[in-house]
Amino acid sequence: MKFFGLKTCDTCRKARKSLAEAGYDPTIIDVRADGVAPEDLAQIIATFGAAVINKSSTTWRGLTDEEKAGDPMALLAAHPTLMKRPAIEADGNWTIGWKPDVQSVYLKA
């Protein structure tokens, strides 16, 4: 299992804690500190498309209209914190975010 997030993100911290309590030991990738491998980024974009971009982030609001209209791959390569998080890959399946629908995939109620 790979867990793409930010160490400083409250949602990511909650998700990591819940996953650990459920017995998972994911490989943690901090998108800011570690970056995202191009093949992982390509898979994330192939799975989620433009929905992977967090349009409510301060980073997004700071971009020009031209930058916002750019290719998601280039945007995330230049600004990895624009990615909605956490993005989790487990056995070839991807999820994004940490809402109840995603939690139900990993946590037994």
N, C-alpha and C. Protein backbone atom coordinates (compact mmCIF):
# COMPACT_ATOMS: atom_id res chain seq x y z
N MET A 1 0.85 -1.18 0.00
CA MET A 1 0.00 0.00 0.00
C MET A 1 0.89 1.24 0.00
N LYS A 2 0.55 2.18 -0.89
CA LYS A 2 1.25 3.47 -0.93
C LYS A 2 0.27 4.55 -0.52
N PHE A 3 0.73 5.47 0.29
CA PHE A 3 -0.08 6.55 0.83
C PHE A 3 0.58 7.87 0.43
N PHE A 4 -0.09 8.62 -0.45
CA PHE A 4 0.43 9.91 -0.91
C PHE A 4 -0.30 11.01 -0.17
N GLY A 5 0.43 11.82 0.57
CA GLY A 5 -0.19 12.89 1.33
C GLY A 5 0.84 13.92 1.76
N LEU A 6 0.48 14.66 2.79
CA LEU A 6 1.37 15.65 3.38
C LEU A 6 1.48 15.38 4.88
N LYS A 7 2.67 15.50 5.42
CA LYS A 7 2.85 15.29 6.86
C LYS A 7 2.08 16.32 7.67
N THR A 8 1.88 17.50 7.11
CA THR A 8 1.23 18.58 7.84
C THR A 8 -0.29 18.61 7.64
N CYS A 9 -0.84 17.71 6.85
CA CYS A 9 -2.27 17.69 6.53
C CYS A 9 -3.04 16.94 7.62
N ASP A 10 -4.01 17.60 8.25
CA ASP A 10 -4.81 16.96 9.30
C ASP A 10 -5.56 15.74 8.79
N THR A 11 -6.14 15.83 7.61
CA THR A 11 -6.87 14.70 7.04
C THR A 11 -5.93 13.52 6.82
N CYS A 12 -4.74 13.79 6.32
CA CYS A 12 -3.76 12.72 6.10
C CYS A 12 -3.34 12.08 7.42
N ARG A 13 -3.17 12.89 8.44
CA ARG A 13 -2.80 12.34 9.75
C ARG A 13 -3.90 11.43 10.29
N LYS A 14 -5.15 11.86 10.17
CA LYS A 14 -6.28 11.03 10.62
C LYS A 14 -6.33 9.72 9.83
N ALA A 15 -6.14 9.82 8.52
CA ALA A 15 -6.18 8.63 7.67
C ALA A 15 -5.05 7.67 8.05
N ARG A 16 -3.85 8.18 8.23
CA ARG A 16 -2.72 7.32 8.59
C ARG A 16 -2.96 6.63 9.92
N LYS A 17 -3.49 7.36 10.89
CA LYS A 17 -3.77 6.79 12.21
C LYS A 17 -4.83 5.69 12.08
N SER A 18 -5.89 5.94 11.34
CA SER A 18 -6.95 4.95 11.16
C SER A 18 -6.43 3.71 10.44
N LEU A 19 -5.61 3.91 9.42
CA LEU A 19 -5.05 2.78 8.68
C LEU A 19 -4.15 1.94 9.59
N ALA A 20 -3.34 2.61 10.41
CA ALA A 20 -2.46 1.89 11.33
C ALA A 20 -3.29 1.07 12.33
N GLU A 21 -4.36 1.67 12.84
CA GLU A 21 -5.22 0.97 13.80
C GLU A 21 -5.91 -0.22 13.15
N ALA A 22 -6.12 -0.17 11.84
CA ALA A 22 -6.76 -1.26 11.10
C ALA A 22 -5.73 -2.31 10.66
N GLY A 23 -4.46 -2.10 11.01
CA GLY A 23 -3.43 -3.09 10.71
C GLY A 23 -2.64 -2.87 9.44
N TYR A 24 -2.83 -1.73 8.79
CA TYR A 24 -2.07 -1.42 7.57
C TYR A 24 -0.75 -0.75 7.93
N ASP A 25 0.26 -0.99 7.11
CA ASP A 25 1.55 -0.35 7.27
C ASP A 25 1.96 0.21 5.90
N PRO A 26 1.32 1.29 5.48
CA PRO A 26 1.58 1.81 4.14
C PRO A 26 2.95 2.47 4.01
N THR A 27 3.44 2.50 2.79
CA THR A 27 4.61 3.29 2.47
C THR A 27 4.12 4.73 2.32
N ILE A 28 4.65 5.63 3.14
CA ILE A 28 4.20 7.02 3.16
C ILE A 28 5.05 7.83 2.19
N ILE A 29 4.38 8.53 1.28
CA ILE A 29 5.07 9.43 0.36
C ILE A 29 4.53 10.83 0.62
N ASP A 30 5.39 11.70 1.14
CA ASP A 30 5.02 13.09 1.35
C ASP A 30 5.19 13.80 0.00
N VAL A 31 4.08 14.25 -0.58
CA VAL A 31 4.15 14.80 -1.93
C VAL A 31 5.02 16.05 -2.02
N ARG A 32 5.15 16.78 -0.94
CA ARG A 32 6.00 17.97 -0.94
C ARG A 32 7.46 17.60 -0.73
N ALA A 33 7.75 16.81 0.27
CA ALA A 33 9.13 16.48 0.62
C ALA A 33 9.73 15.42 -0.31
N ASP A 34 8.95 14.40 -0.64
CA ASP A 34 9.47 13.27 -1.41
C ASP A 34 9.18 13.39 -2.90
N GLY A 35 8.14 14.15 -3.25
CA GLY A 35 7.70 14.21 -4.64
C GLY A 35 6.90 12.96 -5.00
N VAL A 36 6.38 12.95 -6.19
CA VAL A 36 5.59 11.81 -6.68
C VAL A 36 6.28 11.30 -7.94
N ALA A 37 6.57 10.02 -7.97
CA ALA A 37 7.22 9.42 -9.14
C ALA A 37 6.33 9.63 -10.35
N PRO A 38 6.93 9.92 -11.51
CA PRO A 38 6.13 10.16 -12.71
C PRO A 38 5.15 9.04 -13.04
N GLU A 39 5.55 7.79 -12.82
CA GLU A 39 4.63 6.68 -13.12
C GLU A 39 3.44 6.65 -12.16
N ASP A 40 3.68 7.01 -10.88
CA ASP A 40 2.57 7.09 -9.93
C ASP A 40 1.66 8.26 -10.28
N LEU A 41 2.25 9.39 -10.61
CA LEU A 41 1.46 10.56 -10.99
C LEU A 41 0.62 10.27 -12.23
N ALA A 42 1.19 9.59 -13.19
CA ALA A 42 0.44 9.22 -14.40
C ALA A 42 -0.73 8.31 -14.06
N GLN A 43 -0.51 7.37 -13.16
CA GLN A 43 -1.58 6.45 -12.76
C GLN A 43 -2.68 7.19 -11.99
N ILE A 44 -2.30 8.10 -11.12
CA ILE A 44 -3.28 8.88 -10.36
C ILE A 44 -4.15 9.70 -11.32
N ILE A 45 -3.52 10.35 -12.27
CA ILE A 45 -4.26 11.17 -13.23
C ILE A 45 -5.12 10.29 -14.14
N ALA A 46 -4.60 9.14 -14.55
CA ALA A 46 -5.39 8.22 -15.38
C ALA A 46 -6.63 7.74 -14.63
N THR A 47 -6.51 7.56 -13.33
CA THR A 47 -7.62 7.07 -12.53
C THR A 47 -8.63 8.15 -12.21
N PHE A 48 -8.17 9.34 -11.83
CA PHE A 48 -9.08 10.39 -11.33
C PHE A 48 -9.26 11.57 -12.27
N GLY A 49 -8.42 11.69 -13.30
CA GLY A 49 -8.53 12.81 -14.22
C GLY A 49 -8.32 14.14 -13.52
N ALA A 50 -9.01 15.15 -13.99
CA ALA A 50 -8.87 16.50 -13.43
C ALA A 50 -9.41 16.59 -12.01
N ALA A 51 -10.19 15.60 -11.57
CA ALA A 51 -10.73 15.60 -10.21
C ALA A 51 -9.63 15.48 -9.15
N VAL A 52 -8.43 15.14 -9.57
CA VAL A 52 -7.31 15.01 -8.64
C VAL A 52 -6.83 16.38 -8.16
N ILE A 53 -7.18 17.44 -8.87
CA ILE A 53 -6.75 18.79 -8.51
C ILE A 53 -7.65 19.35 -7.42
N ASN A 54 -7.05 19.80 -6.35
CA ASN A 54 -7.78 20.41 -5.23
C ASN A 54 -7.98 21.89 -5.53
N LYS A 55 -9.16 22.20 -6.05
CA LYS A 55 -9.44 23.57 -6.48
C LYS A 55 -9.84 24.50 -5.33
N SER A 56 -9.85 23.98 -4.10
CA SER A 56 -10.13 24.86 -2.96
C SER A 56 -8.86 25.20 -2.19
N SER A 57 -7.71 24.77 -2.70
CA SER A 57 -6.45 25.03 -2.00
C SER A 57 -5.95 26.44 -2.24
N THR A 58 -5.13 26.91 -1.33
CA THR A 58 -4.53 28.23 -1.48
C THR A 58 -3.56 28.24 -2.66
N THR A 59 -2.93 27.11 -2.93
CA THR A 59 -2.03 27.02 -4.08
C THR A 59 -2.81 27.27 -5.37
N TRP A 60 -3.98 26.64 -5.50
CA TRP A 60 -4.82 26.80 -6.69
C TRP A 60 -5.23 28.26 -6.86
N ARG A 61 -5.65 28.87 -5.78
CA ARG A 61 -6.10 30.28 -5.85
C ARG A 61 -4.97 31.21 -6.24
N GLY A 62 -3.73 30.81 -6.00
CA GLY A 62 -2.59 31.64 -6.35
C GLY A 62 -2.11 31.48 -7.79
N LEU A 63 -2.69 30.53 -8.52
CA LEU A 63 -2.27 30.31 -9.91
C LEU A 63 -2.95 31.29 -10.85
N THR A 64 -2.30 31.54 -11.96
CA THR A 64 -2.92 32.37 -13.00
C THR A 64 -3.96 31.53 -13.74
N ASP A 65 -4.84 32.19 -14.48
CA ASP A 65 -5.84 31.47 -15.27
C ASP A 65 -5.17 30.56 -16.29
N GLU A 66 -4.07 31.03 -16.84
CA GLU A 66 -3.33 30.22 -17.82
C GLU A 66 -2.79 28.95 -17.17
N GLU A 67 -2.24 29.08 -15.97
CA GLU A 67 -1.72 27.91 -15.25
C GLU A 67 -2.86 26.94 -14.92
N LYS A 68 -3.99 27.48 -14.47
CA LYS A 68 -5.13 26.64 -14.11
C LYS A 68 -5.65 25.84 -15.30
N ALA A 69 -5.52 26.39 -16.49
CA ALA A 69 -6.00 25.72 -17.69
C ALA A 69 -5.00 24.69 -18.21
N GLY A 70 -3.86 24.60 -17.57
CA GLY A 70 -2.79 23.71 -18.04
C GLY A 70 -3.08 22.23 -17.82
N ASP A 71 -2.19 21.42 -18.32
CA ASP A 71 -2.25 19.98 -18.20
C ASP A 71 -2.12 19.56 -16.73
N PRO A 72 -3.02 18.70 -16.22
CA PRO A 72 -2.94 18.27 -14.82
C PRO A 72 -1.59 17.66 -14.45
N MET A 73 -1.00 16.91 -15.37
CA MET A 73 0.31 16.29 -15.10
C MET A 73 1.37 17.36 -14.85
N ALA A 74 1.42 18.37 -15.69
CA ALA A 74 2.39 19.45 -15.52
C ALA A 74 2.09 20.26 -14.26
N LEU A 75 0.81 20.50 -14.00
CA LEU A 75 0.42 21.25 -12.80
C LEU A 75 0.87 20.54 -11.54
N LEU A 76 0.59 19.24 -11.46
CA LEU A 76 0.96 18.49 -10.26
C LEU A 76 2.46 18.27 -10.15
N ALA A 77 3.14 18.19 -11.28
CA ALA A 77 4.60 18.07 -11.23
C ALA A 77 5.21 19.35 -10.67
N ALA A 78 4.64 20.49 -11.05
CA ALA A 78 5.16 21.78 -10.58
C ALA A 78 4.67 22.13 -9.18
N HIS A 79 3.44 21.71 -8.84
CA HIS A 79 2.81 22.05 -7.57
C HIS A 79 2.17 20.79 -6.96
N PRO A 80 2.97 19.89 -6.39
CA PRO A 80 2.42 18.63 -5.89
C PRO A 80 1.37 18.79 -4.80
N THR A 81 1.38 19.91 -4.09
CA THR A 81 0.39 20.09 -3.03
C THR A 81 -1.01 20.38 -3.58
N LEU A 82 -1.14 20.54 -4.90
CA LEU A 82 -2.45 20.70 -5.52
C LEU A 82 -3.25 19.40 -5.53
N MET A 83 -2.58 18.28 -5.30
CA MET A 83 -3.26 16.99 -5.37
C MET A 83 -4.19 16.81 -4.18
N LYS A 84 -5.42 16.36 -4.47
CA LYS A 84 -6.32 15.99 -3.38
C LYS A 84 -5.66 14.85 -2.65
N ARG A 85 -5.86 14.82 -1.34
CA ARG A 85 -5.17 13.81 -0.56
C ARG A 85 -6.02 13.31 0.60
N PRO A 86 -5.65 12.16 1.08
CA PRO A 86 -4.59 11.29 0.58
C PRO A 86 -5.02 10.53 -0.67
N ALA A 87 -4.05 10.20 -1.49
CA ALA A 87 -4.26 9.26 -2.58
C ALA A 87 -3.62 7.96 -2.11
N ILE A 88 -4.39 6.89 -2.17
CA ILE A 88 -3.92 5.61 -1.64
C ILE A 88 -4.03 4.55 -2.73
N GLU A 89 -2.93 3.82 -2.89
CA GLU A 89 -2.91 2.69 -3.84
C GLU A 89 -2.74 1.42 -3.02
N ALA A 90 -3.66 0.49 -3.23
CA ALA A 90 -3.58 -0.81 -2.56
C ALA A 90 -3.95 -1.89 -3.57
N ASP A 91 -3.01 -2.77 -3.84
CA ASP A 91 -3.24 -3.89 -4.77
C ASP A 91 -3.74 -3.42 -6.14
N GLY A 92 -3.18 -2.30 -6.61
CA GLY A 92 -3.54 -1.80 -7.94
C GLY A 92 -4.80 -0.95 -7.97
N ASN A 93 -5.49 -0.84 -6.85
CA ASN A 93 -6.70 -0.01 -6.77
C ASN A 93 -6.38 1.31 -6.08
N TRP A 94 -6.98 2.38 -6.60
CA TRP A 94 -6.70 3.71 -6.09
C TRP A 94 -7.94 4.33 -5.45
N THR A 95 -7.71 5.08 -4.38
CA THR A 95 -8.75 5.92 -3.78
C THR A 95 -8.14 7.29 -3.55
N ILE A 96 -9.01 8.28 -3.39
CA ILE A 96 -8.53 9.63 -3.12
C ILE A 96 -9.45 10.27 -2.10
N GLY A 97 -8.85 11.02 -1.18
CA GLY A 97 -9.62 11.64 -0.11
C GLY A 97 -9.77 10.69 1.07
N TRP A 98 -10.50 11.14 2.09
CA TRP A 98 -10.71 10.31 3.28
C TRP A 98 -12.13 10.50 3.80
N LYS A 99 -13.08 10.44 2.90
CA LYS A 99 -14.49 10.54 3.26
C LYS A 99 -15.00 9.13 3.58
N PRO A 100 -16.21 9.03 4.12
CA PRO A 100 -16.72 7.71 4.53
C PRO A 100 -16.68 6.63 3.45
N ASP A 101 -16.90 7.00 2.18
CA ASP A 101 -16.85 5.99 1.12
C ASP A 101 -15.45 5.39 0.98
N VAL A 102 -14.43 6.21 1.15
CA VAL A 102 -13.04 5.71 1.07
C VAL A 102 -12.70 4.94 2.35
N GLN A 103 -13.11 5.47 3.48
CA GLN A 103 -12.83 4.78 4.75
C GLN A 103 -13.41 3.37 4.74
N SER A 104 -14.58 3.20 4.15
CA SER A 104 -15.22 1.89 4.14
C SER A 104 -14.42 0.87 3.33
N VAL A 105 -13.60 1.34 2.40
CA VAL A 105 -12.77 0.43 1.61
C VAL A 105 -11.69 -0.22 2.49
N TYR A 106 -11.16 0.54 3.43
CA TYR A 106 -10.01 0.09 4.22
C TYR A 106 -10.34 -0.29 5.65
N LEU A 107 -11.39 0.27 6.20
CA LEU A 107 -11.68 0.06 7.61
C LEU A 107 -12.91 -0.84 7.75
N LYS A 108 -12.81 -1.80 8.63
CA LYS A 108 -13.94 -2.68 8.90
C LYS A 108 -14.80 -2.04 10.00
N ALA A 109 -16.06 -1.83 9.69
CA ALA A 109 -16.95 -1.15 10.64
C ALA A 109 -17.39 -2.09 11.73
